Amino acid sequence: MIETTQLTDALLVQAGASAGQAGDFAALLEQLRITAGLAAKPPHAAFNKAQGIFYAYVFMDQRTHLGGPAAHMLESELRKRWPGPQALHISRLERVFDTPGASAGAAPVFHYVVEMDPEAGWMPELSAWYDQEHMPGLAAVSGCIRASRFLNHDHGPLSLACYDLVSEETLGSPPWLAVRGTEWSSRMRPRFTNTRRTMFEILPGR
């Protein structure tokens, strides 16, 4: 049970379902946002076909303190309205980094997500690396539209870094690989635990 109040900039809805349910998922999220009275923007949704995973972000109009019971209630309501997915979670996200990328203004086609829990005692330096070098460096690569990082206060892993991209090929470009290959990066990456790296295709309507 989610219990504590947390600073919340967005809600992350995660669900396992088939590609054919994409339209239902997007419509249900918009309906939930309205009926729940959330002061939020329309959801941004993405899908990974290989794993059958939906991620959707419901961004609040402004940062708010959201209690655990409220988040749990929304999750329960969503399960009632859409009982099909075996795994469905709602998590409160606190934004800790956000910047437009070199290709800001272009239409996003892919959404790349890196989730991880920091090794014990390494959160301060990992945060400094992300904020000072890694996120700004990747944002500056052509093909990156936006780079953001959040703390996931509920279903984790704790750190969620995400990038809106013009193309999947951006990840293999020499400038992107150069940012990933710095000395600081080589020291920080082994401190990732419970790491998930997922490429999503952005759903229409975003």
N, C-alpha and C. Protein backbone atom coordinates (compact mmCIF):
# COMPACT_ATOMS: atom_id res chain seq x y z
N MET A 1 0.85 -1.19 0.00
CA MET A 1 0.00 0.00 0.00
C MET A 1 0.88 1.24 0.00
N ILE A 2 0.59 2.18 -0.89
CA ILE A 2 1.27 3.46 -0.94
C ILE A 2 0.76 4.31 0.21
N GLU A 3 1.65 4.92 1.02
CA GLU A 3 1.17 5.59 2.22
C GLU A 3 1.56 7.06 2.33
N THR A 4 2.78 7.44 1.98
CA THR A 4 3.25 8.77 2.29
C THR A 4 2.87 9.79 1.22
N THR A 5 2.88 11.07 1.64
CA THR A 5 2.67 12.18 0.71
C THR A 5 4.00 12.52 0.05
N GLN A 6 3.98 12.75 -1.27
CA GLN A 6 5.21 13.04 -2.00
C GLN A 6 4.97 14.18 -2.98
N LEU A 7 6.04 14.94 -3.22
CA LEU A 7 5.98 15.93 -4.29
C LEU A 7 5.77 15.19 -5.61
N THR A 8 4.79 15.65 -6.38
CA THR A 8 4.41 14.94 -7.60
C THR A 8 4.29 15.91 -8.77
N ASP A 9 5.04 15.63 -9.83
CA ASP A 9 4.93 16.41 -11.07
C ASP A 9 4.16 15.66 -12.14
N ALA A 10 4.11 14.34 -12.01
CA ALA A 10 3.41 13.51 -13.00
C ALA A 10 3.05 12.18 -12.38
N LEU A 11 2.08 11.53 -12.97
CA LEU A 11 1.75 10.15 -12.63
C LEU A 11 2.21 9.26 -13.77
N LEU A 12 2.89 8.18 -13.43
CA LEU A 12 3.30 7.20 -14.43
C LEU A 12 2.36 6.00 -14.34
N VAL A 13 1.71 5.70 -15.45
CA VAL A 13 0.84 4.52 -15.52
C VAL A 13 1.56 3.47 -16.35
N GLN A 14 1.79 2.31 -15.76
CA GLN A 14 2.47 1.20 -16.42
C GLN A 14 1.49 0.04 -16.55
N ALA A 15 1.42 -0.54 -17.73
CA ALA A 15 0.49 -1.65 -17.94
C ALA A 15 1.05 -2.62 -18.97
N GLY A 16 0.79 -3.89 -18.76
CA GLY A 16 1.15 -4.90 -19.73
C GLY A 16 -0.07 -5.29 -20.54
N ALA A 17 -0.01 -5.11 -21.86
CA ALA A 17 -1.16 -5.40 -22.72
C ALA A 17 -0.67 -5.54 -24.15
N SER A 18 -1.58 -5.88 -25.04
CA SER A 18 -1.21 -6.09 -26.45
C SER A 18 -1.28 -4.78 -27.23
N ALA A 19 -0.65 -4.78 -28.39
CA ALA A 19 -0.65 -3.59 -29.24
C ALA A 19 -2.06 -3.19 -29.64
N GLY A 20 -2.95 -4.17 -29.78
CA GLY A 20 -4.32 -3.87 -30.17
C GLY A 20 -5.11 -3.11 -29.14
N GLN A 21 -4.59 -3.02 -27.92
CA GLN A 21 -5.28 -2.31 -26.85
C GLN A 21 -4.77 -0.88 -26.67
N ALA A 22 -3.91 -0.43 -27.57
CA ALA A 22 -3.30 0.89 -27.43
C ALA A 22 -4.35 1.99 -27.42
N GLY A 23 -5.31 1.93 -28.33
CA GLY A 23 -6.34 2.95 -28.38
C GLY A 23 -7.18 2.96 -27.13
N ASP A 24 -7.54 1.78 -26.63
CA ASP A 24 -8.33 1.69 -25.41
C ASP A 24 -7.57 2.28 -24.23
N PHE A 25 -6.26 2.00 -24.18
CA PHE A 25 -5.42 2.49 -23.09
C PHE A 25 -5.38 4.01 -23.06
N ALA A 26 -5.11 4.63 -24.20
CA ALA A 26 -5.03 6.08 -24.28
C ALA A 26 -6.36 6.74 -23.93
N ALA A 27 -7.46 6.18 -24.44
CA ALA A 27 -8.78 6.75 -24.16
C ALA A 27 -9.15 6.61 -22.70
N LEU A 28 -8.80 5.48 -22.10
CA LEU A 28 -9.12 5.24 -20.70
C LEU A 28 -8.37 6.20 -19.79
N LEU A 29 -7.11 6.46 -20.11
CA LEU A 29 -6.32 7.39 -19.31
C LEU A 29 -6.91 8.80 -19.34
N GLU A 30 -7.32 9.23 -20.52
CA GLU A 30 -7.92 10.56 -20.64
C GLU A 30 -9.22 10.62 -19.86
N GLN A 31 -10.02 9.57 -19.92
CA GLN A 31 -11.28 9.53 -19.17
C GLN A 31 -11.01 9.56 -17.67
N LEU A 32 -10.01 8.81 -17.24
CA LEU A 32 -9.67 8.77 -15.81
C LEU A 32 -9.21 10.14 -15.33
N ARG A 33 -8.41 10.82 -16.13
CA ARG A 33 -7.92 12.15 -15.76
C ARG A 33 -9.08 13.10 -15.53
N ILE A 34 -10.09 13.03 -16.39
CA ILE A 34 -11.23 13.94 -16.29
C ILE A 34 -12.14 13.57 -15.12
N THR A 35 -12.49 12.29 -15.02
CA THR A 35 -13.43 11.88 -13.98
C THR A 35 -12.83 11.99 -12.59
N ALA A 36 -11.50 11.84 -12.48
CA ALA A 36 -10.84 11.95 -11.18
C ALA A 36 -10.62 13.40 -10.78
N GLY A 37 -10.88 14.33 -11.70
CA GLY A 37 -10.71 15.74 -11.39
C GLY A 37 -9.26 16.16 -11.26
N LEU A 38 -8.35 15.47 -11.96
CA LEU A 38 -6.94 15.82 -11.89
C LEU A 38 -6.67 17.10 -12.67
N ALA A 39 -5.97 18.03 -12.03
CA ALA A 39 -5.53 19.23 -12.73
C ALA A 39 -4.28 18.85 -13.52
N ALA A 40 -4.50 18.23 -14.66
CA ALA A 40 -3.39 17.66 -15.41
C ALA A 40 -3.61 17.81 -16.90
N LYS A 41 -2.52 17.70 -17.63
CA LYS A 41 -2.56 17.78 -19.08
C LYS A 41 -2.93 16.40 -19.65
N PRO A 42 -3.37 16.34 -20.91
CA PRO A 42 -3.67 15.04 -21.52
C PRO A 42 -2.47 14.10 -21.44
N PRO A 43 -2.71 12.80 -21.26
CA PRO A 43 -1.61 11.84 -21.08
C PRO A 43 -0.71 11.73 -22.30
N HIS A 44 0.56 11.46 -22.05
CA HIS A 44 1.52 11.14 -23.08
C HIS A 44 1.80 9.65 -22.97
N ALA A 45 1.51 8.88 -24.00
CA ALA A 45 1.59 7.42 -23.91
C ALA A 45 2.56 6.84 -24.94
N ALA A 46 3.19 5.72 -24.56
CA ALA A 46 4.14 5.04 -25.43
C ALA A 46 4.03 3.54 -25.21
N PHE A 47 4.49 2.76 -26.21
CA PHE A 47 4.30 1.31 -26.17
C PHE A 47 5.55 0.59 -26.66
N ASN A 48 5.93 -0.47 -25.96
CA ASN A 48 7.00 -1.35 -26.41
C ASN A 48 6.37 -2.66 -26.87
N LYS A 49 6.38 -2.90 -28.17
CA LYS A 49 5.68 -4.05 -28.74
C LYS A 49 6.31 -5.37 -28.33
N ALA A 50 7.64 -5.44 -28.30
CA ALA A 50 8.32 -6.69 -27.99
C ALA A 50 7.97 -7.21 -26.60
N GLN A 51 7.86 -6.30 -25.64
CA GLN A 51 7.56 -6.70 -24.27
C GLN A 51 6.09 -6.55 -23.90
N GLY A 52 5.32 -5.88 -24.77
CA GLY A 52 3.91 -5.65 -24.46
C GLY A 52 3.72 -4.76 -23.25
N ILE A 53 4.42 -3.62 -23.24
CA ILE A 53 4.39 -2.71 -22.09
C ILE A 53 3.95 -1.33 -22.54
N PHE A 54 2.96 -0.77 -21.86
CA PHE A 54 2.55 0.61 -22.03
C PHE A 54 3.12 1.45 -20.90
N TYR A 55 3.64 2.63 -21.22
CA TYR A 55 3.98 3.66 -20.23
C TYR A 55 3.20 4.91 -20.63
N ALA A 56 2.55 5.53 -19.67
CA ALA A 56 1.86 6.80 -19.93
C ALA A 56 2.16 7.77 -18.81
N TYR A 57 2.42 9.01 -19.17
CA TYR A 57 2.71 10.07 -18.21
C TYR A 57 1.55 11.04 -18.19
N VAL A 58 1.00 11.27 -17.00
CA VAL A 58 -0.04 12.27 -16.82
C VAL A 58 0.60 13.41 -16.05
N PHE A 59 0.93 14.50 -16.75
CA PHE A 59 1.66 15.62 -16.15
C PHE A 59 0.70 16.58 -15.46
N MET A 60 0.99 16.90 -14.20
CA MET A 60 0.19 17.86 -13.45
C MET A 60 0.41 19.27 -14.01
N ASP A 61 -0.61 20.11 -13.88
CA ASP A 61 -0.46 21.49 -14.30
C ASP A 61 0.59 22.21 -13.46
N GLN A 62 0.72 21.78 -12.21
CA GLN A 62 1.76 22.32 -11.34
C GLN A 62 2.13 21.26 -10.31
N ARG A 63 3.33 21.40 -9.75
CA ARG A 63 3.78 20.43 -8.74
C ARG A 63 2.83 20.43 -7.55
N THR A 64 2.51 19.23 -7.09
CA THR A 64 1.56 19.11 -5.99
C THR A 64 2.02 18.05 -5.01
N HIS A 65 1.54 18.13 -3.78
CA HIS A 65 1.75 17.07 -2.80
C HIS A 65 0.61 16.07 -2.95
N LEU A 66 0.93 14.86 -3.35
CA LEU A 66 -0.09 13.84 -3.57
C LEU A 66 0.12 12.70 -2.59
N GLY A 67 -0.92 12.40 -1.84
CA GLY A 67 -0.84 11.35 -0.84
C GLY A 67 -0.91 9.96 -1.44
N GLY A 68 -0.38 9.00 -0.70
CA GLY A 68 -0.43 7.62 -1.13
C GLY A 68 -1.83 7.09 -1.34
N PRO A 69 -2.77 7.35 -0.42
CA PRO A 69 -4.13 6.84 -0.62
C PRO A 69 -4.77 7.34 -1.91
N ALA A 70 -4.49 8.59 -2.29
CA ALA A 70 -5.06 9.12 -3.53
C ALA A 70 -4.50 8.38 -4.74
N ALA A 71 -3.20 8.13 -4.73
CA ALA A 71 -2.59 7.41 -5.84
C ALA A 71 -3.11 5.97 -5.90
N HIS A 72 -3.26 5.37 -4.74
CA HIS A 72 -3.77 3.99 -4.70
C HIS A 72 -5.21 3.93 -5.18
N MET A 73 -6.01 4.94 -4.85
CA MET A 73 -7.40 4.98 -5.30
C MET A 73 -7.47 5.07 -6.82
N LEU A 74 -6.61 5.91 -7.42
CA LEU A 74 -6.59 6.03 -8.87
C LEU A 74 -6.19 4.70 -9.52
N GLU A 75 -5.24 4.02 -8.93
CA GLU A 75 -4.82 2.73 -9.46
C GLU A 75 -5.96 1.72 -9.39
N SER A 76 -6.67 1.70 -8.27
CA SER A 76 -7.79 0.77 -8.12
C SER A 76 -8.90 1.08 -9.11
N GLU A 77 -9.16 2.37 -9.32
CA GLU A 77 -10.20 2.78 -10.26
C GLU A 77 -9.83 2.36 -11.68
N LEU A 78 -8.57 2.52 -12.02
CA LEU A 78 -8.13 2.14 -13.36
C LEU A 78 -8.25 0.63 -13.57
N ARG A 79 -7.96 -0.15 -12.54
CA ARG A 79 -8.10 -1.61 -12.64
C ARG A 79 -9.55 -2.01 -12.88
N LYS A 80 -10.48 -1.30 -12.26
CA LYS A 80 -11.90 -1.60 -12.45
C LYS A 80 -12.33 -1.31 -13.89
N ARG A 81 -11.84 -0.20 -14.43
CA ARG A 81 -12.24 0.22 -15.77
C ARG A 81 -11.55 -0.59 -16.86
N TRP A 82 -10.38 -1.11 -16.56
CA TRP A 82 -9.60 -1.85 -17.56
C TRP A 82 -8.99 -3.07 -16.89
N PRO A 83 -9.78 -4.14 -16.68
CA PRO A 83 -9.32 -5.31 -15.93
C PRO A 83 -8.40 -6.25 -16.70
N GLY A 84 -8.19 -6.00 -17.98
CA GLY A 84 -7.43 -6.92 -18.82
C GLY A 84 -5.97 -7.09 -18.44
N PRO A 85 -5.19 -6.01 -18.26
CA PRO A 85 -3.75 -6.15 -18.01
C PRO A 85 -3.46 -6.91 -16.72
N GLN A 86 -2.45 -7.80 -16.78
CA GLN A 86 -2.06 -8.53 -15.58
C GLN A 86 -1.25 -7.64 -14.65
N ALA A 87 -0.51 -6.71 -15.19
CA ALA A 87 0.31 -5.80 -14.38
C ALA A 87 -0.10 -4.37 -14.70
N LEU A 88 -0.61 -3.67 -13.73
CA LEU A 88 -1.03 -2.28 -13.92
C LEU A 88 -0.70 -1.51 -12.64
N HIS A 89 0.11 -0.46 -12.79
CA HIS A 89 0.55 0.31 -11.63
C HIS A 89 0.48 1.80 -11.93
N ILE A 90 0.23 2.60 -10.90
CA ILE A 90 0.34 4.05 -10.98
C ILE A 90 1.37 4.50 -9.95
N SER A 91 2.35 5.28 -10.40
CA SER A 91 3.41 5.78 -9.53
C SER A 91 3.47 7.29 -9.59
N ARG A 92 3.82 7.89 -8.45
CA ARG A 92 4.03 9.34 -8.40
C ARG A 92 5.47 9.65 -8.79
N LEU A 93 5.62 10.56 -9.75
CA LEU A 93 6.93 10.96 -10.22
C LEU A 93 7.25 12.38 -9.80
N GLU A 94 8.45 12.57 -9.27
CA GLU A 94 8.96 13.90 -8.93
C GLU A 94 10.06 14.25 -9.93
N ARG A 95 9.88 15.35 -10.67
CA ARG A 95 10.86 15.74 -11.69
C ARG A 95 12.08 16.35 -11.02
N VAL A 96 13.27 15.86 -11.39
CA VAL A 96 14.51 16.40 -10.84
C VAL A 96 15.41 16.98 -11.93
N PHE A 97 15.09 16.72 -13.20
CA PHE A 97 15.85 17.30 -14.31
C PHE A 97 14.96 17.35 -15.53
N ASP A 98 15.07 18.44 -16.29
CA ASP A 98 14.27 18.56 -17.51
C ASP A 98 14.88 19.63 -18.40
N THR A 99 15.17 19.28 -19.64
CA THR A 99 15.72 20.27 -20.56
C THR A 99 15.35 19.92 -21.99
N PRO A 100 15.09 20.92 -22.83
CA PRO A 100 14.88 20.64 -24.26
C PRO A 100 16.19 20.17 -24.89
N GLY A 101 16.06 19.35 -25.92
CA GLY A 101 17.24 18.82 -26.58
C GLY A 101 17.61 19.57 -27.85
N ALA A 102 18.64 19.07 -28.52
CA ALA A 102 19.12 19.71 -29.75
C ALA A 102 18.07 19.73 -30.84
N SER A 103 17.16 18.76 -30.82
CA SER A 103 16.10 18.68 -31.84
C SER A 103 14.75 19.11 -31.29
N ALA A 104 14.76 19.97 -30.28
CA ALA A 104 13.51 20.48 -29.70
C ALA A 104 12.64 21.08 -30.80
N GLY A 105 11.35 20.78 -30.76
CA GLY A 105 10.43 21.27 -31.77
C GLY A 105 10.07 20.22 -32.80
N ALA A 106 10.92 19.20 -32.93
CA ALA A 106 10.61 18.09 -33.83
C ALA A 106 9.56 17.19 -33.19
N ALA A 107 8.86 16.43 -34.01
CA ALA A 107 7.84 15.51 -33.49
C ALA A 107 8.53 14.27 -32.91
N PRO A 108 8.27 13.93 -31.65
CA PRO A 108 8.89 12.74 -31.07
C PRO A 108 8.28 11.46 -31.63
N VAL A 109 9.13 10.51 -31.94
CA VAL A 109 8.69 9.22 -32.49
C VAL A 109 8.99 8.09 -31.51
N PHE A 110 10.11 8.20 -30.82
CA PHE A 110 10.51 7.18 -29.85
C PHE A 110 10.75 7.80 -28.48
N HIS A 111 10.59 6.96 -27.46
CA HIS A 111 10.76 7.38 -26.07
C HIS A 111 11.64 6.34 -25.39
N TYR A 112 12.86 6.73 -25.01
CA TYR A 112 13.82 5.81 -24.41
C TYR A 112 13.89 6.04 -22.91
N VAL A 113 13.76 4.96 -22.15
CA VAL A 113 13.68 5.05 -20.69
C VAL A 113 14.78 4.20 -20.05
N VAL A 114 15.50 4.79 -19.09
CA VAL A 114 16.48 4.07 -18.29
C VAL A 114 16.08 4.20 -16.83
N GLU A 115 15.75 3.06 -16.22
CA GLU A 115 15.34 3.04 -14.81
C GLU A 115 16.39 2.28 -14.00
N MET A 116 16.65 2.75 -12.80
CA MET A 116 17.62 2.06 -11.95
C MET A 116 17.46 2.51 -10.50
N ASP A 117 17.93 1.63 -9.61
CA ASP A 117 18.10 1.97 -8.20
C ASP A 117 19.59 2.19 -7.97
N PRO A 118 19.98 3.28 -7.30
CA PRO A 118 21.41 3.49 -7.04
C PRO A 118 21.92 2.51 -5.99
N GLU A 119 23.14 2.09 -6.18
CA GLU A 119 23.79 1.28 -5.15
C GLU A 119 23.84 2.09 -3.86
N ALA A 120 23.73 1.42 -2.73
CA ALA A 120 23.68 2.11 -1.43
C ALA A 120 24.85 3.08 -1.28
N GLY A 121 24.50 4.33 -0.93
CA GLY A 121 25.51 5.35 -0.69
C GLY A 121 25.93 6.14 -1.92
N TRP A 122 25.44 5.77 -3.10
CA TRP A 122 25.90 6.40 -4.34
C TRP A 122 24.90 7.40 -4.92
N MET A 123 23.78 7.60 -4.28
CA MET A 123 22.77 8.51 -4.84
C MET A 123 23.30 9.93 -5.07
N PRO A 124 24.01 10.54 -4.12
CA PRO A 124 24.48 11.92 -4.34
C PRO A 124 25.36 12.06 -5.58
N GLU A 125 26.34 11.16 -5.75
CA GLU A 125 27.22 11.31 -6.91
C GLU A 125 26.51 10.94 -8.21
N LEU A 126 25.64 9.93 -8.17
CA LEU A 126 24.88 9.60 -9.36
C LEU A 126 24.00 10.77 -9.80
N SER A 127 23.40 11.45 -8.84
CA SER A 127 22.57 12.61 -9.17
C SER A 127 23.41 13.73 -9.77
N ALA A 128 24.59 13.96 -9.20
CA ALA A 128 25.48 15.00 -9.73
C ALA A 128 25.91 14.66 -11.15
N TRP A 129 26.26 13.41 -11.38
CA TRP A 129 26.65 12.97 -12.73
C TRP A 129 25.51 13.16 -13.72
N TYR A 130 24.33 12.74 -13.34
CA TYR A 130 23.18 12.91 -14.23
C TYR A 130 22.95 14.39 -14.54
N ASP A 131 22.93 15.23 -13.50
CA ASP A 131 22.55 16.63 -13.66
C ASP A 131 23.63 17.46 -14.36
N GLN A 132 24.90 17.18 -14.06
CA GLN A 132 25.98 18.03 -14.54
C GLN A 132 26.57 17.57 -15.88
N GLU A 133 26.57 16.26 -16.12
CA GLU A 133 27.22 15.77 -17.34
C GLU A 133 26.29 14.97 -18.25
N HIS A 134 25.68 13.93 -17.71
CA HIS A 134 25.04 12.94 -18.57
C HIS A 134 23.79 13.46 -19.28
N MET A 135 22.84 13.99 -18.51
CA MET A 135 21.60 14.47 -19.12
C MET A 135 21.84 15.66 -20.06
N PRO A 136 22.61 16.68 -19.64
CA PRO A 136 22.88 17.79 -20.57
C PRO A 136 23.63 17.32 -21.82
N GLY A 137 24.55 16.37 -21.64
CA GLY A 137 25.31 15.88 -22.78
C GLY A 137 24.45 15.15 -23.80
N LEU A 138 23.57 14.28 -23.32
CA LEU A 138 22.69 13.54 -24.24
C LEU A 138 21.66 14.46 -24.87
N ALA A 139 21.17 15.44 -24.11
CA ALA A 139 20.21 16.39 -24.66
C ALA A 139 20.81 17.17 -25.83
N ALA A 140 22.11 17.40 -25.80
CA ALA A 140 22.78 18.19 -26.83
C ALA A 140 23.03 17.41 -28.12
N VAL A 141 22.73 16.11 -28.11
CA VAL A 141 22.95 15.28 -29.30
C VAL A 141 21.80 15.49 -30.29
N SER A 142 22.13 15.68 -31.56
CA SER A 142 21.10 15.82 -32.59
C SER A 142 20.23 14.56 -32.62
N GLY A 143 18.91 14.77 -32.63
CA GLY A 143 17.98 13.66 -32.58
C GLY A 143 17.29 13.53 -31.24
N CYS A 144 17.85 14.18 -30.21
CA CYS A 144 17.22 14.19 -28.89
C CYS A 144 16.33 15.43 -28.78
N ILE A 145 15.07 15.22 -28.50
CA ILE A 145 14.10 16.31 -28.43
C ILE A 145 13.97 16.85 -27.01
N ARG A 146 14.02 15.95 -26.04
CA ARG A 146 13.89 16.35 -24.63
C ARG A 146 14.54 15.28 -23.76
N ALA A 147 15.17 15.73 -22.67
CA ALA A 147 15.76 14.82 -21.70
C ALA A 147 15.22 15.17 -20.32
N SER A 148 14.71 14.18 -19.61
CA SER A 148 14.11 14.41 -18.30
C SER A 148 14.50 13.27 -17.36
N ARG A 149 14.48 13.58 -16.07
CA ARG A 149 14.69 12.53 -15.08
C ARG A 149 13.74 12.75 -13.92
N PHE A 150 13.22 11.65 -13.40
CA PHE A 150 12.25 11.67 -12.31
C PHE A 150 12.68 10.70 -11.21
N LEU A 151 12.15 10.95 -10.01
CA LEU A 151 12.21 9.97 -8.93
C LEU A 151 10.86 9.29 -8.86
N ASN A 152 10.87 7.97 -8.93
CA ASN A 152 9.64 7.18 -8.85
C ASN A 152 9.42 6.80 -7.39
N HIS A 153 8.39 7.38 -6.77
CA HIS A 153 8.19 7.20 -5.33
C HIS A 153 7.35 5.98 -4.98
N ASP A 154 6.93 5.22 -5.97
CA ASP A 154 6.04 4.11 -5.65
C ASP A 154 6.53 2.75 -6.16
N HIS A 155 6.41 2.50 -7.44
CA HIS A 155 6.68 1.15 -7.94
C HIS A 155 8.08 0.98 -8.50
N GLY A 156 8.89 2.03 -8.49
CA GLY A 156 10.30 1.94 -8.79
C GLY A 156 10.65 1.26 -10.10
N PRO A 157 11.97 1.14 -10.39
CA PRO A 157 13.11 1.63 -9.64
C PRO A 157 13.05 3.14 -9.37
N LEU A 158 13.90 3.60 -8.46
CA LEU A 158 13.81 4.97 -7.97
C LEU A 158 14.05 6.02 -9.06
N SER A 159 15.10 5.83 -9.85
CA SER A 159 15.47 6.82 -10.87
C SER A 159 14.91 6.42 -12.22
N LEU A 160 14.24 7.37 -12.89
CA LEU A 160 13.72 7.16 -14.24
C LEU A 160 14.19 8.30 -15.12
N ALA A 161 15.16 8.01 -15.99
CA ALA A 161 15.64 8.98 -16.97
C ALA A 161 14.99 8.65 -18.31
N CYS A 162 14.51 9.67 -19.02
CA CYS A 162 13.81 9.40 -20.27
C CYS A 162 14.15 10.45 -21.32
N TYR A 163 14.10 10.02 -22.57
CA TYR A 163 14.52 10.85 -23.69
C TYR A 163 13.52 10.70 -24.83
N ASP A 164 12.99 11.81 -25.31
CA ASP A 164 12.17 11.81 -26.51
C ASP A 164 13.11 11.94 -27.71
N LEU A 165 12.93 11.03 -28.68
CA LEU A 165 13.87 10.94 -29.79
C LEU A 165 13.18 11.01 -31.14
N VAL A 166 13.92 11.50 -32.11
CA VAL A 166 13.45 11.53 -33.50
C VAL A 166 13.54 10.14 -34.11
N SER A 167 14.57 9.39 -33.72
CA SER A 167 14.84 8.08 -34.32
C SER A 167 15.52 7.17 -33.32
N GLU A 168 15.34 5.86 -33.48
CA GLU A 168 16.06 4.89 -32.65
C GLU A 168 17.56 4.99 -32.88
N GLU A 169 17.95 5.39 -34.08
CA GLU A 169 19.36 5.43 -34.43
C GLU A 169 20.14 6.46 -33.62
N THR A 170 19.43 7.38 -32.99
CA THR A 170 20.11 8.38 -32.16
C THR A 170 20.98 7.72 -31.11
N LEU A 171 20.51 6.59 -30.54
CA LEU A 171 21.25 5.92 -29.48
C LEU A 171 22.59 5.36 -29.95
N GLY A 172 22.71 5.07 -31.24
CA GLY A 172 23.96 4.53 -31.75
C GLY A 172 24.85 5.55 -32.43
N SER A 173 24.45 6.81 -32.40
CA SER A 173 25.23 7.85 -33.08
C SER A 173 26.52 8.13 -32.31
N PRO A 174 27.60 8.50 -33.01
CA PRO A 174 28.87 8.78 -32.34
C PRO A 174 28.77 9.82 -31.22
N PRO A 175 28.03 10.93 -31.39
CA PRO A 175 27.94 11.90 -30.28
C PRO A 175 27.27 11.30 -29.03
N TRP A 176 26.23 10.50 -29.24
CA TRP A 176 25.55 9.87 -28.10
C TRP A 176 26.49 8.90 -27.38
N LEU A 177 27.19 8.09 -28.15
CA LEU A 177 28.12 7.13 -27.56
C LEU A 177 29.28 7.82 -26.86
N ALA A 178 29.67 8.98 -27.36
CA ALA A 178 30.75 9.72 -26.71
C ALA A 178 30.34 10.19 -25.32
N VAL A 179 29.10 10.63 -25.18
CA VAL A 179 28.61 11.06 -23.86
C VAL A 179 28.56 9.86 -22.92
N ARG A 180 28.13 8.72 -23.42
CA ARG A 180 28.04 7.52 -22.59
C ARG A 180 29.42 6.97 -22.23
N GLY A 181 30.43 7.36 -22.99
CA GLY A 181 31.75 6.77 -22.80
C GLY A 181 32.73 7.59 -21.98
N THR A 182 32.25 8.61 -21.28
CA THR A 182 33.15 9.43 -20.49
C THR A 182 33.69 8.66 -19.28
N GLU A 183 34.76 9.18 -18.70
CA GLU A 183 35.36 8.55 -17.52
C GLU A 183 34.39 8.54 -16.35
N TRP A 184 33.66 9.65 -16.17
CA TRP A 184 32.68 9.71 -15.08
C TRP A 184 31.58 8.68 -15.30
N SER A 185 31.14 8.55 -16.54
CA SER A 185 30.11 7.55 -16.85
C SER A 185 30.59 6.14 -16.53
N SER A 186 31.83 5.85 -16.85
CA SER A 186 32.36 4.50 -16.60
C SER A 186 32.42 4.19 -15.11
N ARG A 187 32.54 5.22 -14.28
CA ARG A 187 32.54 5.01 -12.83
C ARG A 187 31.13 4.89 -12.27
N MET A 188 30.17 5.56 -12.89
CA MET A 188 28.81 5.58 -12.36
C MET A 188 27.97 4.38 -12.78
N ARG A 189 28.14 3.93 -14.01
CA ARG A 189 27.25 2.87 -14.52
C ARG A 189 27.30 1.59 -13.69
N PRO A 190 28.46 1.18 -13.16
CA PRO A 190 28.47 -0.03 -12.31
C PRO A 190 27.69 0.15 -11.01
N ARG A 191 27.33 1.39 -10.67
CA ARG A 191 26.58 1.65 -9.43
C ARG A 191 25.07 1.57 -9.66
N PHE A 192 24.66 1.26 -10.90
CA PHE A 192 23.24 1.03 -11.19
C PHE A 192 22.86 -0.37 -10.68
N THR A 193 21.70 -0.49 -10.05
CA THR A 193 21.14 -1.80 -9.73
C THR A 193 19.70 -1.84 -10.22
N ASN A 194 19.18 -3.04 -10.42
CA ASN A 194 17.79 -3.22 -10.90
C ASN A 194 17.54 -2.39 -12.16
N THR A 195 18.49 -2.42 -13.07
CA THR A 195 18.45 -1.55 -14.25
C THR A 195 17.48 -2.08 -15.31
N ARG A 196 16.71 -1.15 -15.86
CA ARG A 196 15.83 -1.45 -16.99
C ARG A 196 16.07 -0.41 -18.07
N ARG A 197 16.32 -0.87 -19.27
CA ARG A 197 16.46 0.03 -20.42
C ARG A 197 15.43 -0.37 -21.47
N THR A 198 14.53 0.54 -21.82
CA THR A 198 13.41 0.19 -22.70
C THR A 198 13.20 1.27 -23.74
N MET A 199 13.07 0.84 -24.99
CA MET A 199 12.73 1.76 -26.07
C MET A 199 11.24 1.62 -26.38
N PHE A 200 10.53 2.73 -26.35
CA PHE A 200 9.10 2.75 -26.64
C PHE A 200 8.84 3.52 -27.92
N GLU A 201 7.75 3.17 -28.58
CA GLU A 201 7.26 3.97 -29.70
C GLU A 201 6.11 4.82 -29.18
N ILE A 202 6.16 6.12 -29.45
CA ILE A 202 5.14 7.03 -28.94
C ILE A 202 3.83 6.81 -29.67
N LEU A 203 2.75 6.73 -28.91
CA LEU A 203 1.43 6.48 -29.49
C LEU A 203 0.85 7.75 -30.10
N PRO A 204 0.04 7.64 -31.13
CA PRO A 204 -0.60 8.82 -31.73
C PRO A 204 -1.42 9.58 -30.70
N GLY A 205 -1.48 10.89 -30.89
CA GLY A 205 -2.26 11.72 -29.99
C GLY A 205 -1.44 12.44 -28.97
N ARG A 206 -0.13 12.09 -28.89
CA ARG A 206 0.73 12.78 -27.94
C ARG A 206 0.91 14.22 -28.36
